[in-house]
C-alpha atoms as a PDB file:
ATOM      1  CA  MET A   1     142.702 109.185  92.022  1.00  0.00           C
ATOM      2  CA  ASN A   2     145.305 111.396  93.435  1.00  0.00           C
ATOM      3  CA  ASN A   3     144.977 115.132  92.949  1.00  0.00           C
ATOM      4  CA  ASN A   4     148.700 115.355  92.232  1.00  0.00           C
ATOM      5  CA  ASP A   5     148.580 113.226  89.263  1.00  0.00           C
ATOM      6  CA  TYR A   6     145.878 115.545  87.886  1.00  0.00           C
ATOM      7  CA  ASP A   7     147.525 119.175  88.438  1.00  0.00           C
ATOM      8  CA  ARG A   8     145.743 120.761  85.478  1.00  0.00           C
ATOM      9  CA  ILE A   9     142.049 119.614  86.663  1.00  0.00           C
ATOM     10  CA  THR A  10     140.548 121.385  89.645  1.00  0.00           C
ATOM     11  CA  GLU A  11     138.491 119.483  91.899  1.00  0.00           C
ATOM     12  CA  VAL A  12     135.299 121.359  92.698  1.00  0.00           C
ATOM     13  CA  CYS A  13     131.989 120.716  94.596  1.00  0.00           C
ATOM     14  CA  ASP A  14     128.643 122.189  94.708  1.00  0.00           C
ATOM     15  CA  ASP A  15     129.722 125.137  96.877  1.00  0.00           C
ATOM     16  CA  SER A  16     132.773 126.174  94.419  1.00  0.00           C
ATOM     17  CA  LEU A  17     131.223 125.082  91.071  1.00  0.00           C
ATOM     18  CA  ASN A  18     129.476 128.436  90.367  1.00  0.00           C
ATOM     19  CA  GLU A  19     132.493 130.498  91.221  1.00  0.00           C
ATOM     20  CA  PHE A  20     134.859 128.276  88.947  1.00  0.00           C
ATOM     21  CA  ILE A  21     132.447 128.684  86.064  1.00  0.00           C
ATOM     22  CA  ASN A  22     131.932 132.583  86.597  1.00  0.00           C
ATOM     23  CA  THR A  23     136.007 133.047  86.882  1.00  0.00           C
ATOM     24  CA  HIS A  24     136.751 131.322  83.462  1.00  0.00           C
ATOM     25  CA  ASP A  25     135.440 131.962  80.177  1.00  0.00           C
ATOM     26  CA  ARG A  26     136.222 128.772  78.784  1.00  0.00           C
ATOM     27  CA  CYS A  27     136.162 125.517  81.079  1.00  0.00           C
ATOM     28  CA  VAL A  28     135.281 121.844  80.854  1.00  0.00           C
ATOM     29  CA  LEU A  29     133.722 120.090  83.845  1.00  0.00           C
ATOM     30  CA  LEU A  30     134.362 116.413  83.976  1.00  0.00           C
ATOM     31  CA  CYS A  31     131.419 114.650  86.109  1.00  0.00           C
ATOM     32  CA  LEU A  32     132.372 111.434  87.711  1.00  0.00           C
ATOM     33  CA  LYS A  33     132.047 109.030  90.468  1.00  0.00           C
ATOM     34  CA  GLU A  34     135.070 108.001  92.368  1.00  0.00           C
ATOM     35  CA  LYS A  35     134.763 104.186  92.061  1.00  0.00           C
ATOM     36  CA  CYS A  36     133.362 104.072  88.756  1.00  0.00           C
ATOM     37  CA  PRO A  37     135.788 102.013  86.742  1.00  0.00           C
ATOM     38  CA  TYR A  38     135.050 104.060  83.269  1.00  0.00           C
ATOM     39  CA  CYS A  39     135.727 107.294  84.955  1.00  0.00           C
ATOM     40  CA  ILE A  40     139.101 106.005  86.698  1.00  0.00           C
ATOM     41  CA  GLN A  41     140.085 104.980  83.016  1.00  0.00           C
ATOM     42  CA  PHE A  42     138.718 108.171  81.437  1.00  0.00           C
ATOM     43  CA  LEU A  43     140.470 110.768  83.985  1.00  0.00           C
ATOM     44  CA  PRO A  44     144.018 110.088  82.542  1.00  0.00           C
ATOM     45  CA  ILE A  45     142.590 110.963  79.016  1.00  0.00           C
ATOM     46  CA  VAL A  46     140.901 114.141  80.017  1.00  0.00           C
ATOM     47  CA  SER A  47     144.001 115.114  81.958  1.00  0.00           C
ATOM     48  CA  SER A  48     146.179 114.749  78.963  1.00  0.00           C
ATOM     49  CA  ILE A  49     143.559 116.854  76.875  1.00  0.00           C
ATOM     50  CA  ALA A  50     143.933 119.406  79.768  1.00  0.00           C
ATOM     51  CA  GLN A  51     147.856 119.388  79.441  1.00  0.00           C
ATOM     52  CA  GLU A  52     147.355 119.964  75.563  1.00  0.00           C
ATOM     53  CA  MET A  53     144.673 122.494  75.937  1.00  0.00           C
ATOM     54  CA  PRO A  54     146.170 125.321  78.211  1.00  0.00           C
ATOM     55  CA  GLU A  55     143.620 127.958  77.081  1.00  0.00           C
ATOM     56  CA  VAL A  56     140.749 126.035  78.604  1.00  0.00           C
ATOM     57  CA  THR A  57     140.330 125.307  82.387  1.00  0.00           C
ATOM     58  CA  PHE A  58     139.569 122.005  83.592  1.00  0.00           C
ATOM     59  CA  ALA A  59     137.685 120.720  86.714  1.00  0.00           C
ATOM     60  CA  ARG A  60     136.224 117.738  87.665  1.00  0.00           C
ATOM     61  CA  ILE A  61     133.170 116.865  90.177  1.00  0.00           C
ATOM     62  CA  ASN A  62     132.281 113.777  91.997  1.00  0.00           C
ATOM     63  CA  ILE A  63     128.673 113.679  91.410  1.00  0.00           C
ATOM     64  CA  ASP A  64     128.217 110.858  94.217  1.00  0.00           C
ATOM     65  CA  GLU A  65     129.135 113.617  96.774  1.00  0.00           C
ATOM     66  CA  ASN A  66     127.733 116.756  94.624  1.00  0.00           C
ATOM     67  CA  LYS A  67     124.174 115.573  93.745  1.00  0.00           C
ATOM     68  CA  LYS A  68     123.011 119.233  93.531  1.00  0.00           C
ATOM     69  CA  THR A  69     125.275 119.658  90.816  1.00  0.00           C
ATOM     70  CA  ALA A  70     124.212 116.410  88.968  1.00  0.00           C
ATOM     71  CA  LYS A  71     120.747 117.203  89.276  1.00  0.00           C
ATOM     72  CA  ASN A  72     121.300 120.836  88.099  1.00  0.00           C
ATOM     73  CA  LEU A  73     123.158 120.090  84.964  1.00  0.00           C
ATOM     74  CA  ASN A  74     121.100 116.892  84.277  1.00  0.00           C
ATOM     75  CA  VAL A  75     123.868 114.448  84.892  1.00  0.00           C
ATOM     76  CA  ARG A  76     122.632 110.820  84.605  1.00  0.00           C
ATOM     77  CA  THR A  77     125.542 108.963  82.979  1.00  0.00           C
ATOM     78  CA  VAL A  78     129.085 109.054  83.855  1.00  0.00           C
ATOM     79  CA  PRO A  79     131.716 110.069  82.833  1.00  0.00           C
ATOM     80  CA  THR A  80     129.936 113.189  81.249  1.00  0.00           C
ATOM     81  CA  ILE A  81     132.011 116.090  80.007  1.00  0.00           C
ATOM     82  CA  ILE A  82     130.252 119.631  80.238  1.00  0.00           C
ATOM     83  CA  VAL A  83     131.814 122.363  78.071  1.00  0.00           C
ATOM     84  CA  PHE A  84     131.130 125.976  79.295  1.00  0.00           C
ATOM     85  CA  TYR A  85     131.951 128.995  77.394  1.00  0.00           C
ATOM     86  CA  GLN A  86     131.377 132.701  79.054  1.00  0.00           C
ATOM     87  CA  HIS A  87     129.613 130.973  81.834  1.00  0.00           C
ATOM     88  CA  SER A  88     127.130 128.925  80.016  1.00  0.00           C
ATOM     89  CA  VAL A  89     126.783 125.233  78.904  1.00  0.00           C
ATOM     90  CA  LYS A  90     127.669 124.996  75.317  1.00  0.00           C
ATOM     91  CA  LYS A  91     128.130 121.094  74.858  1.00  0.00           C
ATOM     92  CA  GLY A  92     127.546 117.866  76.791  1.00  0.00           C
ATOM     93  CA  ILE A  93     129.773 114.944  75.832  1.00  0.00           C
ATOM     94  CA  ILE A  94     128.217 112.077  77.300  1.00  0.00           C
ATOM     95  CA  GLY A  95     129.987 108.593  78.065  1.00  0.00           C
ATOM     96  CA  MET A  96     133.594 106.924  77.145  1.00  0.00           C
ATOM     97  CA  LYS A  97     134.852 108.735  73.961  1.00  0.00           C
ATOM     98  CA  SER A  98     138.392 108.603  72.139  1.00  0.00           C
ATOM     99  CA  LYS A  99     140.875 111.532  73.194  1.00  0.00           C
ATOM    100  CA  PHE A 100     140.498 112.718  69.754  1.00  0.00           C
ATOM    101  CA  THR A 101     136.666 112.914  69.544  1.00  0.00           C
ATOM    102  CA  ILE A 102     136.839 114.573  72.952  1.00  0.00           C
ATOM    103  CA  GLN A 103     139.277 117.267  71.729  1.00  0.00           C
ATOM    104  CA  ASN A 104     137.264 117.799  68.526  1.00  0.00           C
ATOM    105  CA  ASP A 105     134.152 118.072  70.514  1.00  0.00           C
ATOM    106  CA  ILE A 106     135.584 120.676  72.863  1.00  0.00           C
ATOM    107  CA  ARG A 107     137.160 122.743  70.058  1.00  0.00           C
ATOM    108  CA  LEU A 108     133.840 122.611  68.219  1.00  0.00           C
ATOM    109  CA  ALA A 109     131.710 123.871  71.037  1.00  0.00           C
ATOM    110  CA  PHE A 110     134.270 126.668  71.493  1.00  0.00           C
ATOM    111  CA  ALA A 111     134.112 127.464  67.630  1.00  0.00           C
ATOM    112  CA  THR A 112     130.545 127.563  67.378  1.00  0.00           C
ATOM    113  CA  ALA A 113     129.998 129.668  70.634  1.00  0.00           C
ATOM    114  CA  HIS A 114     130.440 132.697  68.906  1.00  0.00           C
ATOM    115  CA  PHE A 115     127.392 132.613  66.812  1.00  0.00           C
END
């Protein structure tokens, strides 16, 4: 997974995640494992979504290398997407899903976050 291929997805780690979340009101975190075949297939889908949703900031984290974050966010399955709105978790999306489903779930999480 080459960083240049996924310019709209920032790579974060245990030490930088809080700053990332606190800097962006609308953000999406992709939790993955570097050698997970599903994660490798899923990353281009999320990258495409990131290109189509410029109002949302996207990041990814390798949970093999960042176990503290995996534990704190209760990530047990990869890939997992966590949607944050105004610095709080609003939704978790677990496992492989279609691009359409992911986009709708993200939009719905932000739409219902105001209530």
